Amino acid sequence: MRIPPRIASVTALAAALLIGGPVLAGQATAAPAPVTYSVTAVGDICYSALPSQAHDTLDLIEQGGPYPYSQDGTVFQNREGVLPSQSAGYYHEYTVITPGSPTRGARRIVTGEQSKEDYYTGDHYATFDLVDFGC
């Protein structure tokens, strides 16, 4: 079973909370330069809260296949920019079967190979949740 690192989430939270710095009473300070941040729409989801078909897909990924669709395992390009920015080829996508759907449906698992993180999307890449295997 893959256990995703939490460092990226903690780092993003710390950066959001610590922007600027303390202002000391009685001291004049210049206004800080505006800073632009790119916030991703990634939440968390407990492994136990995933649909059972996502468990099946994660098991197949762990085993190295075989996968039900030829597109499974292909590079996910993150064109939507929702996931953290990484180099080309970092992310790969896998179909989460949708019962009763005549197509691949909208559900996917997207993996990040270097850090072994797994993301679930149930809405065809509009939002992602980092899978938490510890809950």
N, C-alpha and C. Protein backbone atom coordinates (compact mmCIF):
# COMPACT_ATOMS: atom_id res chain seq x y z
N MET A 1 0.85 -1.18 0.00
CA MET A 1 0.00 0.00 0.00
C MET A 1 0.88 1.23 0.00
N ARG A 2 0.53 2.21 -0.77
CA ARG A 2 1.32 3.43 -0.88
C ARG A 2 0.89 4.42 0.18
N ILE A 3 1.85 5.04 0.83
CA ILE A 3 1.55 6.05 1.84
C ILE A 3 2.10 7.37 1.33
N PRO A 4 1.20 8.30 0.98
CA PRO A 4 1.66 9.56 0.41
C PRO A 4 2.28 10.46 1.46
N PRO A 5 3.30 11.23 1.06
CA PRO A 5 3.92 12.16 2.00
C PRO A 5 2.99 13.33 2.27
N ARG A 6 3.06 13.87 3.46
CA ARG A 6 2.22 15.00 3.83
C ARG A 6 3.03 16.29 3.79
N ILE A 7 4.30 16.20 3.43
CA ILE A 7 5.17 17.37 3.48
C ILE A 7 4.66 18.49 2.58
N ALA A 8 4.21 18.18 1.37
CA ALA A 8 3.75 19.21 0.44
C ALA A 8 2.56 19.96 1.01
N SER A 9 1.61 19.26 1.62
CA SER A 9 0.44 19.93 2.19
C SER A 9 0.84 20.81 3.37
N VAL A 10 1.73 20.31 4.21
CA VAL A 10 2.18 21.08 5.37
C VAL A 10 2.95 22.31 4.91
N THR A 11 3.79 22.16 3.89
CA THR A 11 4.56 23.29 3.38
C THR A 11 3.63 24.36 2.83
N ALA A 12 2.62 23.96 2.06
CA ALA A 12 1.68 24.93 1.49
C ALA A 12 0.92 25.65 2.59
N LEU A 13 0.49 24.91 3.60
CA LEU A 13 -0.24 25.53 4.72
C LEU A 13 0.66 26.50 5.46
N ALA A 14 1.89 26.09 5.75
CA ALA A 14 2.82 26.97 6.46
C ALA A 14 3.08 28.24 5.67
N ALA A 15 3.26 28.10 4.36
CA ALA A 15 3.50 29.27 3.52
C ALA A 15 2.32 30.23 3.57
N ALA A 16 1.10 29.67 3.53
CA ALA A 16 -0.10 30.52 3.56
C ALA A 16 -0.23 31.24 4.89
N LEU A 17 0.13 30.57 5.97
CA LEU A 17 -0.02 31.16 7.30
C LEU A 17 1.08 32.14 7.65
N LEU A 18 2.24 31.98 7.05
CA LEU A 18 3.40 32.78 7.45
C LEU A 18 3.76 33.90 6.48
N ILE A 19 2.89 34.19 5.56
CA ILE A 19 3.18 35.25 4.59
C ILE A 19 3.31 36.58 5.31
N GLY A 20 4.35 37.31 4.95
CA GLY A 20 4.55 38.64 5.55
C GLY A 20 5.53 38.57 6.69
N GLY A 21 5.07 38.39 7.89
CA GLY A 21 5.93 38.34 9.05
C GLY A 21 5.38 39.23 10.13
N PRO A 22 5.97 39.18 11.31
CA PRO A 22 5.46 39.96 12.42
C PRO A 22 5.72 41.45 12.25
N VAL A 23 4.83 42.27 12.75
CA VAL A 23 5.02 43.71 12.78
C VAL A 23 5.20 44.09 14.24
N LEU A 24 6.29 44.78 14.53
CA LEU A 24 6.59 45.16 15.91
C LEU A 24 5.87 46.45 16.25
N ALA A 25 5.30 46.52 17.45
CA ALA A 25 4.56 47.70 17.90
C ALA A 25 5.49 48.90 17.94
N GLY A 26 4.98 50.02 17.44
CA GLY A 26 5.73 51.26 17.51
C GLY A 26 6.71 51.45 16.37
N GLN A 27 6.87 50.51 15.51
CA GLN A 27 7.80 50.63 14.40
C GLN A 27 7.04 50.94 13.13
N ALA A 28 7.56 51.85 12.36
CA ALA A 28 6.97 52.12 11.04
C ALA A 28 7.49 51.07 10.07
N THR A 29 6.60 50.58 9.27
CA THR A 29 7.02 49.58 8.29
C THR A 29 6.52 49.98 6.93
N ALA A 30 7.30 49.65 5.92
CA ALA A 30 6.88 49.89 4.54
C ALA A 30 5.92 48.78 4.14
N ALA A 31 4.99 49.10 3.28
CA ALA A 31 4.05 48.08 2.79
C ALA A 31 4.82 47.06 1.97
N PRO A 32 4.57 45.78 2.22
CA PRO A 32 5.30 44.76 1.46
C PRO A 32 4.85 44.77 0.00
N ALA A 33 5.74 44.32 -0.85
CA ALA A 33 5.40 44.20 -2.26
C ALA A 33 4.33 43.13 -2.42
N PRO A 34 3.40 43.33 -3.35
CA PRO A 34 2.36 42.31 -3.55
C PRO A 34 2.98 40.99 -4.00
N VAL A 35 2.43 39.93 -3.49
CA VAL A 35 2.92 38.60 -3.81
C VAL A 35 1.78 37.82 -4.44
N THR A 36 2.08 37.12 -5.51
CA THR A 36 1.08 36.30 -6.18
C THR A 36 1.35 34.84 -5.87
N TYR A 37 0.32 34.13 -5.44
CA TYR A 37 0.44 32.73 -5.12
C TYR A 37 -0.51 31.93 -6.00
N SER A 38 -0.08 30.77 -6.40
CA SER A 38 -0.93 29.87 -7.15
C SER A 38 -1.48 28.82 -6.19
N VAL A 39 -2.78 28.85 -5.95
CA VAL A 39 -3.39 27.91 -5.03
C VAL A 39 -4.05 26.80 -5.82
N THR A 40 -3.74 25.59 -5.49
CA THR A 40 -4.35 24.46 -6.17
C THR A 40 -5.60 24.03 -5.44
N ALA A 41 -6.52 23.43 -6.15
CA ALA A 41 -7.78 22.98 -5.57
C ALA A 41 -7.68 21.50 -5.23
N VAL A 42 -6.78 21.19 -4.33
CA VAL A 42 -6.58 19.80 -3.94
C VAL A 42 -6.98 19.65 -2.48
N GLY A 43 -7.89 18.73 -2.24
CA GLY A 43 -8.29 18.42 -0.88
C GLY A 43 -7.72 17.08 -0.47
N ASP A 44 -8.27 16.51 0.57
CA ASP A 44 -7.88 15.19 1.05
C ASP A 44 -9.12 14.30 1.09
N ILE A 45 -8.91 13.01 0.91
CA ILE A 45 -9.98 12.04 1.06
C ILE A 45 -9.40 10.79 1.72
N CYS A 46 -10.12 10.26 2.67
CA CYS A 46 -9.70 9.02 3.31
C CYS A 46 -9.84 7.86 2.33
N TYR A 47 -8.89 6.97 2.36
CA TYR A 47 -8.95 5.78 1.51
C TYR A 47 -10.29 5.07 1.70
N SER A 48 -10.76 4.99 2.93
CA SER A 48 -12.02 4.30 3.22
C SER A 48 -13.24 5.01 2.62
N ALA A 49 -13.11 6.29 2.28
CA ALA A 49 -14.22 7.05 1.70
C ALA A 49 -14.28 6.96 0.18
N LEU A 50 -13.26 6.37 -0.43
CA LEU A 50 -13.25 6.22 -1.88
C LEU A 50 -14.27 5.17 -2.31
N PRO A 51 -14.80 5.29 -3.53
CA PRO A 51 -15.66 4.22 -4.04
C PRO A 51 -14.85 2.93 -4.17
N SER A 52 -15.51 1.80 -4.05
CA SER A 52 -14.81 0.51 -4.10
C SER A 52 -14.04 0.33 -5.40
N GLN A 53 -14.53 0.90 -6.47
CA GLN A 53 -13.83 0.78 -7.75
C GLN A 53 -12.48 1.51 -7.72
N ALA A 54 -12.37 2.56 -6.92
CA ALA A 54 -11.08 3.25 -6.76
C ALA A 54 -10.10 2.36 -6.02
N HIS A 55 -10.59 1.59 -5.05
CA HIS A 55 -9.73 0.62 -4.36
C HIS A 55 -9.20 -0.38 -5.37
N ASP A 56 -10.07 -0.85 -6.26
CA ASP A 56 -9.65 -1.81 -7.29
C ASP A 56 -8.57 -1.20 -8.17
N THR A 57 -8.75 0.05 -8.57
CA THR A 57 -7.77 0.72 -9.43
C THR A 57 -6.43 0.87 -8.70
N LEU A 58 -6.47 1.28 -7.44
CA LEU A 58 -5.22 1.42 -6.67
C LEU A 58 -4.52 0.07 -6.52
N ASP A 59 -5.28 -1.00 -6.35
CA ASP A 59 -4.68 -2.34 -6.29
C ASP A 59 -4.01 -2.70 -7.61
N LEU A 60 -4.67 -2.38 -8.73
CA LEU A 60 -4.07 -2.66 -10.05
C LEU A 60 -2.79 -1.86 -10.25
N ILE A 61 -2.79 -0.61 -9.81
CA ILE A 61 -1.59 0.22 -9.93
C ILE A 61 -0.45 -0.41 -9.13
N GLU A 62 -0.75 -0.84 -7.93
CA GLU A 62 0.26 -1.46 -7.06
C GLU A 62 0.83 -2.73 -7.71
N GLN A 63 -0.04 -3.48 -8.41
CA GLN A 63 0.37 -4.73 -9.06
C GLN A 63 1.02 -4.49 -10.42
N GLY A 64 0.89 -3.29 -10.95
CA GLY A 64 1.45 -3.00 -12.28
C GLY A 64 0.54 -3.44 -13.41
N GLY A 65 -0.75 -3.61 -13.15
CA GLY A 65 -1.72 -3.97 -14.18
C GLY A 65 -2.12 -5.42 -14.07
N PRO A 66 -2.81 -5.93 -15.05
CA PRO A 66 -3.25 -5.31 -16.30
C PRO A 66 -4.42 -4.36 -16.06
N TYR A 67 -4.49 -3.35 -16.93
CA TYR A 67 -5.49 -2.31 -16.80
C TYR A 67 -6.62 -2.52 -17.80
N PRO A 68 -7.84 -2.09 -17.46
CA PRO A 68 -8.98 -2.32 -18.34
C PRO A 68 -9.02 -1.45 -19.59
N TYR A 69 -8.30 -0.32 -19.60
CA TYR A 69 -8.34 0.58 -20.74
C TYR A 69 -6.92 0.87 -21.22
N SER A 70 -6.76 1.02 -22.53
CA SER A 70 -5.43 1.28 -23.09
C SER A 70 -4.86 2.62 -22.64
N GLN A 71 -5.73 3.55 -22.25
CA GLN A 71 -5.26 4.87 -21.79
C GLN A 71 -4.69 4.82 -20.37
N ASP A 72 -4.98 3.76 -19.63
CA ASP A 72 -4.50 3.67 -18.25
C ASP A 72 -2.99 3.60 -18.22
N GLY A 73 -2.40 4.41 -17.34
CA GLY A 73 -0.95 4.46 -17.20
C GLY A 73 -0.29 5.51 -18.07
N THR A 74 -1.09 6.21 -18.89
CA THR A 74 -0.51 7.24 -19.74
C THR A 74 -0.21 8.50 -18.93
N VAL A 75 0.63 9.34 -19.49
CA VAL A 75 1.03 10.56 -18.81
C VAL A 75 -0.18 11.50 -18.70
N PHE A 76 -0.40 12.01 -17.50
CA PHE A 76 -1.41 13.04 -17.24
C PHE A 76 -0.68 14.37 -17.29
N GLN A 77 -1.13 15.25 -18.17
CA GLN A 77 -0.39 16.49 -18.42
C GLN A 77 -0.74 17.64 -17.49
N ASN A 78 -1.74 17.50 -16.64
CA ASN A 78 -2.11 18.55 -15.69
C ASN A 78 -2.40 19.88 -16.39
N ARG A 79 -3.04 19.81 -17.56
CA ARG A 79 -3.36 21.02 -18.32
C ARG A 79 -4.24 21.98 -17.53
N GLU A 80 -5.08 21.42 -16.67
CA GLU A 80 -5.98 22.25 -15.88
C GLU A 80 -5.23 23.03 -14.81
N GLY A 81 -4.04 22.58 -14.46
CA GLY A 81 -3.21 23.25 -13.47
C GLY A 81 -3.73 23.10 -12.05
N VAL A 82 -4.56 22.09 -11.80
CA VAL A 82 -5.12 21.90 -10.47
C VAL A 82 -4.11 21.23 -9.54
N LEU A 83 -3.38 20.26 -10.04
CA LEU A 83 -2.37 19.58 -9.23
C LEU A 83 -1.11 20.44 -9.14
N PRO A 84 -0.29 20.20 -8.13
CA PRO A 84 0.97 20.95 -8.03
C PRO A 84 1.80 20.80 -9.31
N SER A 85 2.41 21.87 -9.73
CA SER A 85 3.20 21.88 -10.95
C SER A 85 4.41 20.95 -10.80
N GLN A 86 4.58 20.09 -11.79
CA GLN A 86 5.70 19.15 -11.82
C GLN A 86 6.20 19.05 -13.26
N SER A 87 7.33 18.41 -13.44
CA SER A 87 7.88 18.25 -14.79
C SER A 87 7.01 17.29 -15.60
N ALA A 88 7.12 17.39 -16.91
CA ALA A 88 6.35 16.54 -17.82
C ALA A 88 6.66 15.07 -17.53
N GLY A 89 5.63 14.26 -17.50
CA GLY A 89 5.81 12.84 -17.26
C GLY A 89 5.71 12.44 -15.80
N TYR A 90 5.57 13.40 -14.90
CA TYR A 90 5.52 13.11 -13.47
C TYR A 90 4.22 12.40 -13.09
N TYR A 91 3.10 12.85 -13.66
CA TYR A 91 1.79 12.30 -13.31
C TYR A 91 1.33 11.27 -14.36
N HIS A 92 0.63 10.23 -13.88
CA HIS A 92 0.02 9.23 -14.76
C HIS A 92 -1.42 9.02 -14.31
N GLU A 93 -2.29 8.71 -15.27
CA GLU A 93 -3.71 8.56 -14.94
C GLU A 93 -4.20 7.14 -15.17
N TYR A 94 -5.21 6.78 -14.38
CA TYR A 94 -5.82 5.46 -14.43
C TYR A 94 -7.33 5.61 -14.25
N THR A 95 -8.08 4.82 -14.98
CA THR A 95 -9.53 4.86 -14.94
C THR A 95 -10.06 4.20 -13.68
N VAL A 96 -11.01 4.86 -13.05
CA VAL A 96 -11.80 4.24 -11.98
C VAL A 96 -13.14 3.91 -12.64
N ILE A 97 -13.41 2.63 -12.78
CA ILE A 97 -14.60 2.19 -13.49
C ILE A 97 -15.86 2.73 -12.82
N THR A 98 -16.77 3.22 -13.66
CA THR A 98 -18.07 3.72 -13.20
C THR A 98 -19.11 2.69 -13.62
N PRO A 99 -19.70 1.96 -12.66
CA PRO A 99 -20.69 0.94 -13.01
C PRO A 99 -21.83 1.53 -13.85
N GLY A 100 -22.20 0.83 -14.90
CA GLY A 100 -23.30 1.25 -15.75
C GLY A 100 -22.93 2.26 -16.81
N SER A 101 -21.71 2.79 -16.79
CA SER A 101 -21.30 3.78 -17.79
C SER A 101 -20.81 3.07 -19.05
N PRO A 102 -21.28 3.51 -20.23
CA PRO A 102 -20.82 2.90 -21.47
C PRO A 102 -19.43 3.39 -21.89
N THR A 103 -18.91 4.41 -21.17
CA THR A 103 -17.58 4.95 -21.47
C THR A 103 -16.69 4.80 -20.23
N ARG A 104 -15.51 5.38 -20.30
CA ARG A 104 -14.61 5.35 -19.15
C ARG A 104 -15.16 6.15 -17.99
N GLY A 105 -16.12 7.01 -18.22
CA GLY A 105 -16.68 7.82 -17.15
C GLY A 105 -15.75 8.95 -16.77
N ALA A 106 -16.02 9.59 -15.64
CA ALA A 106 -15.28 10.79 -15.23
C ALA A 106 -14.30 10.54 -14.09
N ARG A 107 -14.30 9.34 -13.53
CA ARG A 107 -13.50 9.09 -12.33
C ARG A 107 -12.10 8.57 -12.70
N ARG A 108 -11.09 9.12 -12.02
CA ARG A 108 -9.71 8.72 -12.28
C ARG A 108 -8.91 8.73 -10.97
N ILE A 109 -7.85 7.95 -11.01
CA ILE A 109 -6.76 8.07 -10.04
C ILE A 109 -5.58 8.64 -10.83
N VAL A 110 -4.96 9.68 -10.31
CA VAL A 110 -3.76 10.25 -10.92
C VAL A 110 -2.64 10.08 -9.90
N THR A 111 -1.55 9.48 -10.36
CA THR A 111 -0.43 9.23 -9.46
C THR A 111 0.72 10.18 -9.76
N GLY A 112 1.47 10.49 -8.73
CA GLY A 112 2.71 11.23 -8.86
C GLY A 112 3.83 10.25 -8.55
N GLU A 113 4.61 9.91 -9.54
CA GLU A 113 5.54 8.79 -9.41
C GLU A 113 6.68 9.01 -8.42
N GLN A 114 7.25 10.19 -8.36
CA GLN A 114 8.42 10.39 -7.51
C GLN A 114 8.08 10.27 -6.03
N SER A 115 7.01 10.91 -5.61
CA SER A 115 6.65 10.91 -4.20
C SER A 115 5.59 9.88 -3.86
N LYS A 116 5.14 9.14 -4.86
CA LYS A 116 4.14 8.09 -4.67
C LYS A 116 2.82 8.62 -4.12
N GLU A 117 2.43 9.83 -4.52
CA GLU A 117 1.14 10.32 -4.08
C GLU A 117 0.06 9.88 -5.06
N ASP A 118 -1.15 9.70 -4.54
CA ASP A 118 -2.29 9.28 -5.34
C ASP A 118 -3.41 10.29 -5.16
N TYR A 119 -3.97 10.75 -6.27
CA TYR A 119 -5.06 11.71 -6.25
C TYR A 119 -6.30 11.06 -6.87
N TYR A 120 -7.47 11.38 -6.33
CA TYR A 120 -8.73 10.89 -6.87
C TYR A 120 -9.52 12.07 -7.41
N THR A 121 -10.09 11.91 -8.60
CA THR A 121 -11.02 12.89 -9.14
C THR A 121 -12.27 12.15 -9.58
N GLY A 122 -13.40 12.65 -9.16
CA GLY A 122 -14.67 12.08 -9.56
C GLY A 122 -15.37 12.93 -10.60
N ASP A 123 -14.74 14.04 -10.99
CA ASP A 123 -15.37 14.99 -11.90
C ASP A 123 -14.48 15.35 -13.09
N HIS A 124 -13.75 14.38 -13.57
CA HIS A 124 -12.90 14.51 -14.76
C HIS A 124 -11.97 15.71 -14.68
N TYR A 125 -11.16 15.74 -13.63
CA TYR A 125 -10.06 16.68 -13.44
C TYR A 125 -10.44 18.08 -12.97
N ALA A 126 -11.71 18.33 -12.65
CA ALA A 126 -12.07 19.66 -12.14
C ALA A 126 -11.53 19.84 -10.73
N THR A 127 -11.61 18.80 -9.91
CA THR A 127 -11.07 18.83 -8.55
C THR A 127 -10.35 17.52 -8.27
N PHE A 128 -9.43 17.57 -7.35
CA PHE A 128 -8.69 16.37 -6.94
C PHE A 128 -8.64 16.31 -5.42
N ASP A 129 -8.58 15.08 -4.91
CA ASP A 129 -8.35 14.84 -3.49
C ASP A 129 -7.15 13.92 -3.35
N LEU A 130 -6.20 14.30 -2.51
CA LEU A 130 -5.07 13.45 -2.20
C LEU A 130 -5.56 12.32 -1.31
N VAL A 131 -5.28 11.09 -1.70
CA VAL A 131 -5.75 9.94 -0.95
C VAL A 131 -4.92 9.79 0.31
N ASP A 132 -5.61 9.75 1.46
CA ASP A 132 -4.97 9.57 2.76
C ASP A 132 -5.19 8.12 3.16
N PHE A 133 -4.11 7.34 3.15
CA PHE A 133 -4.21 5.92 3.48
C PHE A 133 -4.23 5.67 4.98
N GLY A 134 -4.07 6.72 5.77
CA GLY A 134 -4.00 6.57 7.22
C GLY A 134 -5.34 6.74 7.94
N CYS A 135 -6.41 6.89 7.20
CA CYS A 135 -7.70 7.07 7.88
C CYS A 135 -8.78 6.21 7.24
